[in-house]
Amino acid sequence: MPQASSVARPHRCSPQDLGSMRNVLGILSDDKKKLRPDRLGVITGLGRSELARVTKKARPMLYERELPLKLSSSFTKAIYSLVIATDLAYELFGEREEDTKSWLMAPNTFLFGDSPFIVCMRGEGEKLIEWLSQRLRRPMLDSIR
């Protein structure tokens, strides 16, 4: 008679359980490799000229339906930080999109008057993500960065 294994089976989890971006506001394409400038404009309330100034992208590029993201660029890192931060904030706000969008663009006292959007676009989104993760009581992986 075969003996039962004493090794516990691993718990099934989803990619989000292991840190995969949810992209709840739809800022990225479904494959998460392209930016959707129209959606970013709707979320932020910014026009093409203002988005061009903040993102440092040429305005004609922001008329594209989807803008490919280069894996190693600082712009991609800023956009991914923005998506992760909005995913976490969305969860903190009880999955209320309007609250998440308002928080994203409002001056924030914890950020010395900057909005979370500006902090991410400036390339400082990691600290914001850490802060949001702490609010959700989620550990960060310090050894990977």
C-alpha atoms as a PDB file:
ATOM      1  CA  MET A   1       0.000   0.000   0.000  1.00  0.00           C
ATOM      2  CA  PRO A   2       1.517   3.390  -0.980  1.00  0.00           C
ATOM      3  CA  GLN A   3       2.225   5.792   1.839  1.00  0.00           C
ATOM      4  CA  ALA A   4       0.620   9.216   1.855  1.00  0.00           C
ATOM      5  CA  SER A   5       3.098  11.991   1.276  1.00  0.00           C
ATOM      6  CA  SER A   6       3.703  14.294   4.218  1.00  0.00           C
ATOM      7  CA  VAL A   7       4.557  17.140   1.860  1.00  0.00           C
ATOM      8  CA  ALA A   8       1.791  19.714   1.771  1.00  0.00           C
ATOM      9  CA  ARG A   9       0.516  20.743  -1.623  1.00  0.00           C
ATOM     10  CA  PRO A  10       1.189  24.391  -2.511  1.00  0.00           C
ATOM     11  CA  HIS A  11      -1.708  26.776  -2.159  1.00  0.00           C
ATOM     12  CA  ARG A  12      -3.088  27.881  -5.520  1.00  0.00           C
ATOM     13  CA  CYS A  13      -2.700  31.577  -6.080  1.00  0.00           C
ATOM     14  CA  SER A  14      -3.230  34.076  -8.838  1.00  0.00           C
ATOM     15  CA  PRO A  15      -0.559  36.173 -10.580  1.00  0.00           C
ATOM     16  CA  GLN A  16      -1.804  39.185  -8.550  1.00  0.00           C
ATOM     17  CA  ASP A  17      -1.033  37.259  -5.342  1.00  0.00           C
ATOM     18  CA  LEU A  18       2.595  37.308  -6.457  1.00  0.00           C
ATOM     19  CA  GLY A  19       2.669  40.963  -7.426  1.00  0.00           C
ATOM     20  CA  SER A  20       1.369  41.028 -10.997  1.00  0.00           C
ATOM     21  CA  MET A  21      -0.106  44.390 -11.969  1.00  0.00           C
ATOM     22  CA  ARG A  22      -3.886  44.412 -12.189  1.00  0.00           C
ATOM     23  CA  ASN A  23      -4.116  47.601 -14.281  1.00  0.00           C
ATOM     24  CA  VAL A  24      -7.559  48.292 -12.808  1.00  0.00           C
ATOM     25  CA  LEU A  25      -7.845  51.754 -14.381  1.00  0.00           C
ATOM     26  CA  GLY A  26      -6.910  50.475 -17.856  1.00  0.00           C
ATOM     27  CA  ILE A  27      -3.848  52.695 -18.307  1.00  0.00           C
ATOM     28  CA  LEU A  28      -2.044  49.863 -20.104  1.00  0.00           C
ATOM     29  CA  SER A  29      -3.028  47.547 -22.933  1.00  0.00           C
ATOM     30  CA  ASP A  30      -4.211  44.055 -22.022  1.00  0.00           C
ATOM     31  CA  ASP A  31      -0.693  42.644 -22.458  1.00  0.00           C
ATOM     32  CA  LYS A  32       0.669  45.498 -20.270  1.00  0.00           C
ATOM     33  CA  LYS A  33       3.282  46.414 -22.877  1.00  0.00           C
ATOM     34  CA  LYS A  34       1.654  49.568 -24.251  1.00  0.00           C
ATOM     35  CA  LEU A  35       0.351  52.799 -22.755  1.00  0.00           C
ATOM     36  CA  ARG A  36      -3.150  53.960 -23.653  1.00  0.00           C
ATOM     37  CA  PRO A  37      -2.744  57.757 -23.859  1.00  0.00           C
ATOM     38  CA  ASP A  38      -6.497  58.384 -24.249  1.00  0.00           C
ATOM     39  CA  ARG A  39      -7.252  56.483 -21.060  1.00  0.00           C
ATOM     40  CA  LEU A  40      -4.460  58.286 -19.198  1.00  0.00           C
ATOM     41  CA  GLY A  41      -5.976  61.599 -20.292  1.00  0.00           C
ATOM     42  CA  VAL A  42      -9.438  60.576 -19.063  1.00  0.00           C
ATOM     43  CA  ILE A  43      -8.068  59.425 -15.701  1.00  0.00           C
ATOM     44  CA  THR A  44      -5.917  62.500 -15.105  1.00  0.00           C
ATOM     45  CA  GLY A  45      -8.213  65.061 -16.721  1.00  0.00           C
ATOM     46  CA  LEU A  46      -5.196  66.437 -18.611  1.00  0.00           C
ATOM     47  CA  GLY A  47      -5.208  67.398 -22.274  1.00  0.00           C
ATOM     48  CA  ARG A  48      -2.597  66.258 -24.787  1.00  0.00           C
ATOM     49  CA  SER A  49      -0.404  69.355 -24.357  1.00  0.00           C
ATOM     50  CA  GLU A  50      -0.286  69.028 -20.567  1.00  0.00           C
ATOM     51  CA  LEU A  51       0.300  65.258 -20.763  1.00  0.00           C
ATOM     52  CA  ALA A  52       3.135  65.901 -23.213  1.00  0.00           C
ATOM     53  CA  ARG A  53       4.714  68.358 -20.789  1.00  0.00           C
ATOM     54  CA  VAL A  54       4.423  66.046 -17.778  1.00  0.00           C
ATOM     55  CA  THR A  55       5.411  62.819 -19.549  1.00  0.00           C
ATOM     56  CA  LYS A  56       8.094  64.489 -21.693  1.00  0.00           C
ATOM     57  CA  LYS A  57       6.650  62.781 -24.771  1.00  0.00           C
ATOM     58  CA  ALA A  58       5.984  64.574 -28.050  1.00  0.00           C
ATOM     59  CA  ARG A  59       2.329  65.578 -28.283  1.00  0.00           C
ATOM     60  CA  PRO A  60       1.762  63.771 -31.642  1.00  0.00           C
ATOM     61  CA  MET A  61       2.820  60.500 -29.954  1.00  0.00           C
ATOM     62  CA  LEU A  62      -0.004  60.924 -27.444  1.00  0.00           C
ATOM     63  CA  TYR A  63      -2.566  60.756 -30.275  1.00  0.00           C
ATOM     64  CA  GLU A  64      -1.627  57.120 -30.874  1.00  0.00           C
ATOM     65  CA  ARG A  65      -4.193  54.557 -29.717  1.00  0.00           C
ATOM     66  CA  GLU A  66      -1.447  52.663 -27.878  1.00  0.00           C
ATOM     67  CA  LEU A  67       2.128  53.712 -27.258  1.00  0.00           C
ATOM     68  CA  PRO A  68       4.673  50.850 -27.016  1.00  0.00           C
ATOM     69  CA  LEU A  69       6.734  50.901 -23.823  1.00  0.00           C
ATOM     70  CA  LYS A  70      10.458  50.155 -23.976  1.00  0.00           C
ATOM     71  CA  LEU A  71      11.341  47.776 -21.182  1.00  0.00           C
ATOM     72  CA  SER A  72      14.401  49.604 -19.894  1.00  0.00           C
ATOM     73  CA  SER A  73      13.265  53.230 -20.225  1.00  0.00           C
ATOM     74  CA  SER A  74      12.712  55.586 -17.310  1.00  0.00           C
ATOM     75  CA  PHE A  75       9.346  56.530 -18.843  1.00  0.00           C
ATOM     76  CA  THR A  76       8.215  52.881 -18.716  1.00  0.00           C
ATOM     77  CA  LYS A  77       9.325  52.635 -15.097  1.00  0.00           C
ATOM     78  CA  ALA A  78       7.315  55.783 -14.275  1.00  0.00           C
ATOM     79  CA  ILE A  79       4.207  54.428 -16.036  1.00  0.00           C
ATOM     80  CA  TYR A  80       4.513  51.023 -14.339  1.00  0.00           C
ATOM     81  CA  SER A  81       4.891  52.774 -10.971  1.00  0.00           C
ATOM     82  CA  LEU A  82       1.755  54.759 -11.757  1.00  0.00           C
ATOM     83  CA  VAL A  83      -0.195  51.594 -12.596  1.00  0.00           C
ATOM     84  CA  ILE A  84       1.003  49.782  -9.468  1.00  0.00           C
ATOM     85  CA  ALA A  85       0.229  52.797  -7.271  1.00  0.00           C
ATOM     86  CA  THR A  86      -3.282  53.138  -8.726  1.00  0.00           C
ATOM     87  CA  ASP A  87      -3.877  49.393  -8.306  1.00  0.00           C
ATOM     88  CA  LEU A  88      -2.938  49.627  -4.622  1.00  0.00           C
ATOM     89  CA  ALA A  89      -4.907  52.834  -4.055  1.00  0.00           C
ATOM     90  CA  TYR A  90      -7.955  51.308  -5.760  1.00  0.00           C
ATOM     91  CA  GLU A  91      -7.786  48.441  -3.289  1.00  0.00           C
ATOM     92  CA  LEU A  92      -7.342  50.819  -0.340  1.00  0.00           C
ATOM     93  CA  PHE A  93     -10.354  52.862  -1.481  1.00  0.00           C
ATOM     94  CA  GLY A  94     -12.596  49.799  -1.533  1.00  0.00           C
ATOM     95  CA  GLU A  95     -12.434  49.471  -5.328  1.00  0.00           C
ATOM     96  CA  ARG A  96     -13.915  52.924  -5.929  1.00  0.00           C
ATOM     97  CA  GLU A  97     -12.529  54.253  -9.206  1.00  0.00           C
ATOM     98  CA  GLU A  98     -13.599  57.866  -8.706  1.00  0.00           C
ATOM     99  CA  ASP A  99     -11.880  58.052  -5.303  1.00  0.00           C
ATOM    100  CA  THR A 100      -8.733  56.544  -6.829  1.00  0.00           C
ATOM    101  CA  LYS A 101      -8.717  59.080  -9.681  1.00  0.00           C
ATOM    102  CA  SER A 102      -9.314  61.994  -7.288  1.00  0.00           C
ATOM    103  CA  TRP A 103      -6.497  60.861  -4.994  1.00  0.00           C
ATOM    104  CA  LEU A 104      -4.152  60.409  -7.968  1.00  0.00           C
ATOM    105  CA  MET A 105      -4.397  64.028  -9.093  1.00  0.00           C
ATOM    106  CA  ALA A 106      -4.913  65.895  -5.806  1.00  0.00           C
ATOM    107  CA  PRO A 107      -2.071  67.650  -3.979  1.00  0.00           C
ATOM    108  CA  ASN A 108      -1.103  65.381  -1.099  1.00  0.00           C
ATOM    109  CA  THR A 109       0.232  66.514   2.288  1.00  0.00           C
ATOM    110  CA  PHE A 110       2.225  63.272   2.677  1.00  0.00           C
ATOM    111  CA  LEU A 111       3.949  64.103  -0.633  1.00  0.00           C
ATOM    112  CA  PHE A 112       4.725  67.704   0.331  1.00  0.00           C
ATOM    113  CA  GLY A 113       1.963  69.069  -1.878  1.00  0.00           C
ATOM    114  CA  ASP A 114       2.693  67.038  -4.999  1.00  0.00           C
ATOM    115  CA  SER A 115       0.074  64.716  -6.440  1.00  0.00           C
ATOM    116  CA  PRO A 116       0.771  60.967  -6.617  1.00  0.00           C
ATOM    117  CA  PHE A 117       0.642  61.312 -10.420  1.00  0.00           C
ATOM    118  CA  ILE A 118       3.460  63.867 -10.443  1.00  0.00           C
ATOM    119  CA  VAL A 119       5.519  61.794  -7.992  1.00  0.00           C
ATOM    120  CA  CYS A 120       5.273  58.771 -10.302  1.00  0.00           C
ATOM    121  CA  MET A 121       6.019  60.772 -13.458  1.00  0.00           C
ATOM    122  CA  ARG A 122       9.063  62.259 -11.717  1.00  0.00           C
ATOM    123  CA  GLY A 123      10.396  58.720 -11.257  1.00  0.00           C
ATOM    124  CA  GLU A 124       9.838  58.549  -7.507  1.00  0.00           C
ATOM    125  CA  GLY A 125       6.948  56.084  -7.532  1.00  0.00           C
ATOM    126  CA  GLU A 126       8.786  53.351  -5.604  1.00  0.00           C
ATOM    127  CA  LYS A 127       8.486  55.189  -2.304  1.00  0.00           C
ATOM    128  CA  LEU A 128       4.796  55.816  -2.951  1.00  0.00           C
ATOM    129  CA  ILE A 129       4.282  52.105  -3.720  1.00  0.00           C
ATOM    130  CA  GLU A 130       6.100  51.142  -0.520  1.00  0.00           C
ATOM    131  CA  TRP A 131       3.890  53.502   1.498  1.00  0.00           C
ATOM    132  CA  LEU A 132       0.688  52.151  -0.090  1.00  0.00           C
ATOM    133  CA  SER A 133       1.877  48.557   0.426  1.00  0.00           C
ATOM    134  CA  GLN A 134       2.481  49.278   4.102  1.00  0.00           C
ATOM    135  CA  ARG A 135      -1.056  50.666   4.367  1.00  0.00           C
ATOM    136  CA  LEU A 136      -2.282  47.353   2.931  1.00  0.00           C
ATOM    137  CA  ARG A 137       0.102  45.495   5.274  1.00  0.00           C
ATOM    138  CA  ARG A 138       1.966  43.884   2.403  1.00  0.00           C
ATOM    139  CA  PRO A 139       5.701  43.273   2.635  1.00  0.00           C
ATOM    140  CA  MET A 140       8.023  44.517  -0.081  1.00  0.00           C
ATOM    141  CA  LEU A 141      10.933  42.467  -1.419  1.00  0.00           C
ATOM    142  CA  ASP A 142      13.925  44.606  -0.476  1.00  0.00           C
ATOM    143  CA  SER A 143      16.533  42.229  -1.870  1.00  0.00           C
ATOM    144  CA  ILE A 144      15.270  42.460  -5.475  1.00  0.00           C
ATOM    145  CA  ARG A 145      15.682  46.191  -6.031  1.00  0.00           C
END
